[in-house]
Structures are given as C-alpha cells and as structure tokens.
Amino acid sequence: MSFCPNCPTQTVVDPPEKVYENYYHPQIVQVIHPVEIIRQHHCVPVPQHCYEYTVKDVMCHVSGIKKRKRRK
C-alpha cells in the first residue's frame, strides 16, 4: 500500500519583474549653423600688349643697274 498524503496546493508569488517598452516621438529641435561668407578680392596682373611703331626712311643704292644715257 502506498501512502499519498493529501498536501494542499500552495501559491508562491515572485517579486514583479519590470519589462520596459520604449516608444519614441519626434521632437523638432532647430540647430542653427551660422555661415560667414568672406569675399576676398585679389589683383591679378593681366598683360595688355601695346606696340609703338617708328618709321625710318633709308636710301638704298642698288648696284648693277645701268644708268640711262641722257638725250641731248
């Protein structure tokens, strides 16, 4: 004969465990980026070619040309 005692059922409750659910909602944050524009001006040499002309008259003696005889 097996003996089976009549044991009452017990309930044991552990401390609660926390489970987090994260929900995210957009929040507009304006970030201002200041920009400073600096205009730099530089002188750059650009050649402009100018020409000056001189005129010179030179007398040339051509050899080998026979002189004409003058008619009287």
Protein backbone atom coordinates (compact mmCIF):
# COMPACT_ATOMS: atom_id res chain seq x y z
CA MET A 1 0.00 0.00 0.00
CA SER A 2 1.41 3.32 -0.96
CA PHE A 3 0.78 6.24 1.16
CA CYS A 4 -0.03 9.54 -0.63
CA PRO A 5 -0.55 12.39 1.71
CA ASN A 6 -3.11 14.99 0.83
CA CYS A 7 -0.95 18.08 0.54
CA PRO A 8 -2.65 21.35 -0.05
CA THR A 9 -1.71 23.35 -3.14
CA GLN A 10 0.40 26.39 -2.47
CA THR A 11 0.94 29.52 -4.50
CA VAL A 12 4.17 31.41 -4.39
CA VAL A 13 4.45 34.84 -6.00
CA ASP A 14 7.85 36.17 -7.04
CA PRO A 15 8.55 39.89 -6.91
CA PRO A 16 7.43 41.53 -10.13
CA GLU A 17 9.89 41.82 -12.98
CA LYS A 18 9.84 45.09 -14.86
CA VAL A 19 9.71 45.00 -18.63
CA TYR A 20 10.01 48.33 -20.41
CA GLU A 21 8.52 49.16 -23.76
CA ASN A 22 10.07 52.27 -25.28
CA TYR A 23 8.07 54.49 -27.58
CA TYR A 24 9.75 57.38 -29.39
CA HIS A 25 8.04 60.52 -30.63
CA PRO A 26 9.66 63.14 -32.86
CA GLN A 27 10.59 66.39 -31.23
CA ILE A 28 11.75 69.17 -33.52
CA VAL A 29 14.98 70.77 -32.36
CA GLN A 30 16.27 73.62 -34.50
CA VAL A 31 20.04 73.59 -34.85
CA ILE A 32 21.41 76.85 -36.24
CA HIS A 33 24.64 76.71 -38.24
CA PRO A 34 25.96 80.24 -38.77
CA VAL A 35 27.92 80.68 -42.01
CA GLU A 36 30.08 83.73 -42.63
CA ILE A 37 30.80 84.50 -46.27
CA ILE A 38 34.08 86.33 -46.81
CA ARG A 39 34.58 87.89 -50.22
CA GLN A 40 38.26 88.17 -50.98
CA HIS A 41 39.35 90.50 -53.77
CA HIS A 42 42.71 89.99 -55.45
CA CYS A 43 44.58 91.99 -58.07
CA VAL A 44 45.75 89.72 -60.86
CA PRO A 45 48.18 91.11 -63.46
CA VAL A 46 46.85 90.66 -66.98
CA PRO A 47 49.32 91.66 -69.73
CA GLN A 48 47.99 94.13 -72.25
CA HIS A 49 50.36 94.28 -75.21
CA CYS A 50 50.84 97.71 -76.74
CA TYR A 51 53.05 98.33 -79.77
CA GLU A 52 54.80 101.57 -80.72
CA TYR A 53 55.91 101.96 -84.32
CA THR A 54 58.57 104.20 -85.75
CA VAL A 55 59.11 104.83 -89.46
CA LYS A 56 62.58 105.36 -90.84
CA ASP A 57 63.44 106.22 -94.46
CA VAL A 58 66.70 104.77 -95.67
CA MET A 59 68.27 105.42 -99.09
CA CYS A 60 69.45 102.24 -100.75
CA HIS A 61 71.98 102.26 -103.58
CA VAL A 62 71.27 99.43 -105.94
CA SER A 63 74.35 98.25 -107.79
CA GLY A 64 74.11 96.56 -111.16
CA ILE A 65 71.56 98.94 -112.64
CA LYS A 66 72.91 100.80 -115.62
CA LYS A 67 72.26 104.46 -115.74
CA ARG A 68 70.35 105.71 -118.77
CA LYS A 69 72.06 107.87 -121.12
CA ARG A 70 70.53 111.25 -121.25
CA ARG A 71 69.44 112.50 -124.61
CA LYS A 72 70.65 115.82 -125.62
